[in-house]
Amino acid sequence: MKMPALHFRANLITAISKEGKVQITIYQGSLNATVSLEFLNRLVDGASRKILLIADRLQAQRRRK
C-alpha cells in the first residue's frame, strides 16, 4: 500500500508487569524470529522476577532460534 510521504507504518510489541512497568519494541516490517528474540532478551535482562509469557502460535514465535 502506497503511503503519503508524511506517513509511515510501524508495528509494536508490548509487555506490562504487575507493577505497571511497560516494555515496548517498535519495528517496521513483519514480526520475525529476530525481532521476537530481541524483545524477549530485553524483557529477561530487565526482569528481577519470573516472567509469565502468553504468546499466540505466530510462526515467528515458533522458531528454533
N, C-alpha and C. Protein backbone atom coordinates (compact mmCIF):
# COMPACT_ATOMS: atom_id res chain seq x y z
N MET A 1 0.84 -1.17 0.00
CA MET A 1 0.00 0.00 0.00
C MET A 1 0.89 1.24 0.00
N LYS A 2 0.67 2.12 -0.91
CA LYS A 2 1.47 3.33 -1.02
C LYS A 2 0.96 4.37 -0.02
N MET A 3 1.89 4.98 0.72
CA MET A 3 1.53 5.97 1.74
C MET A 3 2.07 7.34 1.36
N PRO A 4 1.37 8.40 1.77
CA PRO A 4 1.92 9.74 1.55
C PRO A 4 3.27 9.89 2.27
N ALA A 5 4.09 10.81 1.82
CA ALA A 5 5.44 10.98 2.37
C ALA A 5 5.46 11.26 3.86
N LEU A 6 4.43 11.86 4.41
CA LEU A 6 4.41 12.22 5.82
C LEU A 6 4.00 11.06 6.73
N HIS A 7 3.68 9.92 6.16
CA HIS A 7 3.23 8.79 6.95
C HIS A 7 4.20 7.61 6.82
N PHE A 8 4.21 6.76 7.83
CA PHE A 8 4.99 5.53 7.76
C PHE A 8 4.27 4.46 8.57
N ARG A 9 4.58 3.23 8.30
CA ARG A 9 4.00 2.11 9.04
C ARG A 9 4.98 1.61 10.08
N ALA A 10 4.47 1.25 11.22
CA ALA A 10 5.29 0.67 12.28
C ALA A 10 4.45 -0.35 13.04
N ASN A 11 5.09 -1.30 13.63
CA ASN A 11 4.43 -2.32 14.45
C ASN A 11 4.96 -2.24 15.86
N LEU A 12 4.26 -2.85 16.78
CA LEU A 12 4.57 -2.69 18.20
C LEU A 12 4.40 -4.01 18.93
N ILE A 13 5.37 -4.32 19.80
CA ILE A 13 5.25 -5.44 20.74
C ILE A 13 5.33 -4.82 22.12
N THR A 14 4.45 -5.21 23.02
CA THR A 14 4.48 -4.65 24.38
C THR A 14 4.35 -5.75 25.42
N ALA A 15 4.85 -5.43 26.60
CA ALA A 15 4.67 -6.27 27.77
C ALA A 15 4.47 -5.33 28.95
N ILE A 16 3.69 -5.75 29.92
CA ILE A 16 3.46 -4.93 31.11
C ILE A 16 3.56 -5.81 32.34
N SER A 17 4.22 -5.30 33.37
CA SER A 17 4.38 -6.05 34.61
C SER A 17 3.21 -5.75 35.55
N LYS A 18 3.12 -6.53 36.62
CA LYS A 18 2.08 -6.28 37.62
C LYS A 18 2.27 -4.92 38.27
N GLU A 19 3.50 -4.44 38.29
CA GLU A 19 3.80 -3.14 38.90
C GLU A 19 3.54 -1.98 37.93
N GLY A 20 3.21 -2.30 36.68
CA GLY A 20 2.91 -1.27 35.69
C GLY A 20 4.09 -0.86 34.82
N LYS A 21 5.23 -1.56 34.95
CA LYS A 21 6.38 -1.28 34.10
C LYS A 21 6.09 -1.79 32.69
N VAL A 22 6.32 -0.94 31.69
CA VAL A 22 6.00 -1.29 30.31
C VAL A 22 7.28 -1.45 29.51
N GLN A 23 7.35 -2.52 28.73
CA GLN A 23 8.45 -2.77 27.80
C GLN A 23 7.87 -2.69 26.40
N ILE A 24 8.46 -1.88 25.53
CA ILE A 24 7.93 -1.67 24.19
C ILE A 24 9.04 -1.86 23.16
N THR A 25 8.70 -2.50 22.06
CA THR A 25 9.57 -2.57 20.89
C THR A 25 8.75 -2.13 19.69
N ILE A 26 9.26 -1.14 18.97
CA ILE A 26 8.64 -0.68 17.74
C ILE A 26 9.53 -1.14 16.59
N TYR A 27 8.93 -1.73 15.58
CA TYR A 27 9.70 -2.24 14.45
C TYR A 27 8.92 -2.03 13.17
N GLN A 28 9.63 -2.05 12.06
CA GLN A 28 8.99 -1.96 10.75
C GLN A 28 9.05 -3.32 10.08
N GLY A 29 8.10 -3.58 9.22
CA GLY A 29 8.07 -4.86 8.52
C GLY A 29 7.32 -5.90 9.33
N SER A 30 7.52 -7.16 8.96
CA SER A 30 6.83 -8.26 9.62
C SER A 30 7.57 -8.71 10.86
N LEU A 31 6.81 -9.23 11.82
CA LEU A 31 7.42 -9.81 13.00
C LEU A 31 8.12 -11.09 12.58
N ASN A 32 9.38 -11.24 13.00
CA ASN A 32 10.12 -12.44 12.68
C ASN A 32 10.84 -12.91 13.94
N ALA A 33 11.55 -14.02 13.83
CA ALA A 33 12.23 -14.60 14.99
C ALA A 33 13.25 -13.64 15.59
N THR A 34 13.96 -12.89 14.76
CA THR A 34 14.98 -11.96 15.25
C THR A 34 14.35 -10.87 16.10
N VAL A 35 13.28 -10.27 15.63
CA VAL A 35 12.59 -9.21 16.39
C VAL A 35 12.04 -9.78 17.69
N SER A 36 11.42 -10.96 17.62
CA SER A 36 10.87 -11.60 18.83
C SER A 36 11.95 -11.88 19.86
N LEU A 37 13.09 -12.43 19.41
CA LEU A 37 14.17 -12.75 20.35
C LEU A 37 14.79 -11.51 20.96
N GLU A 38 14.95 -10.45 20.18
CA GLU A 38 15.49 -9.20 20.73
C GLU A 38 14.57 -8.66 21.82
N PHE A 39 13.26 -8.70 21.57
CA PHE A 39 12.30 -8.24 22.56
C PHE A 39 12.37 -9.09 23.82
N LEU A 40 12.35 -10.41 23.65
CA LEU A 40 12.38 -11.30 24.81
C LEU A 40 13.69 -11.19 25.59
N ASN A 41 14.82 -11.03 24.90
CA ASN A 41 16.10 -10.86 25.59
C ASN A 41 16.10 -9.60 26.44
N ARG A 42 15.57 -8.50 25.90
CA ARG A 42 15.49 -7.26 26.68
C ARG A 42 14.54 -7.43 27.86
N LEU A 43 13.46 -8.16 27.65
CA LEU A 43 12.49 -8.40 28.72
C LEU A 43 13.13 -9.20 29.85
N VAL A 44 13.86 -10.25 29.51
CA VAL A 44 14.50 -11.11 30.51
C VAL A 44 15.64 -10.36 31.22
N ASP A 45 16.44 -9.61 30.46
CA ASP A 45 17.56 -8.88 31.06
C ASP A 45 17.11 -7.88 32.12
N GLY A 46 15.94 -7.30 31.94
CA GLY A 46 15.44 -6.31 32.90
C GLY A 46 14.57 -6.88 34.00
N ALA A 47 14.41 -8.20 34.01
CA ALA A 47 13.49 -8.82 34.98
C ALA A 47 14.21 -9.20 36.27
N SER A 48 13.55 -8.94 37.38
CA SER A 48 14.08 -9.38 38.67
C SER A 48 13.25 -10.53 39.23
N ARG A 49 12.16 -10.87 38.54
CA ARG A 49 11.28 -11.95 38.98
C ARG A 49 10.94 -12.83 37.78
N LYS A 50 10.20 -13.88 38.04
CA LYS A 50 9.76 -14.78 36.98
C LYS A 50 8.87 -14.02 36.00
N ILE A 51 8.85 -14.50 34.76
CA ILE A 51 8.03 -13.90 33.71
C ILE A 51 7.00 -14.92 33.25
N LEU A 52 5.75 -14.51 33.18
CA LEU A 52 4.70 -15.33 32.60
C LEU A 52 4.49 -14.83 31.18
N LEU A 53 4.78 -15.67 30.22
CA LEU A 53 4.68 -15.28 28.81
C LEU A 53 3.46 -15.92 28.18
N ILE A 54 2.63 -15.10 27.57
CA ILE A 54 1.47 -15.58 26.83
C ILE A 54 1.70 -15.19 25.38
N ALA A 55 1.78 -16.17 24.50
CA ALA A 55 2.04 -15.90 23.09
C ALA A 55 1.09 -16.72 22.23
N ASP A 56 0.78 -16.19 21.06
CA ASP A 56 -0.06 -16.95 20.14
C ASP A 56 0.83 -17.91 19.35
N ARG A 57 0.30 -18.52 18.35
CA ARG A 57 1.05 -19.51 17.59
C ARG A 57 1.65 -18.91 16.32
N LEU A 58 1.99 -17.65 16.37
CA LEU A 58 2.59 -16.98 15.23
C LEU A 58 3.91 -17.66 14.87
N GLN A 59 4.17 -17.83 13.61
CA GLN A 59 5.36 -18.56 13.14
C GLN A 59 6.66 -17.96 13.71
N ALA A 60 6.74 -16.65 13.84
CA ALA A 60 7.96 -16.02 14.36
C ALA A 60 8.24 -16.41 15.80
N GLN A 61 7.25 -16.86 16.52
CA GLN A 61 7.43 -17.25 17.91
C GLN A 61 7.66 -18.75 18.06
N ARG A 62 7.73 -19.46 16.95
CA ARG A 62 7.89 -20.92 16.99
C ARG A 62 9.21 -21.36 16.39
N ARG A 63 10.12 -20.45 16.11
CA ARG A 63 11.41 -20.78 15.51
C ARG A 63 12.30 -21.47 16.53
N ARG A 64 13.23 -22.27 16.07
CA ARG A 64 14.14 -22.99 16.98
C ARG A 64 15.25 -22.11 17.53
N LYS A 65 15.45 -20.90 16.97
CA LYS A 65 16.48 -19.98 17.49
C LYS A 65 16.30 -19.83 18.97
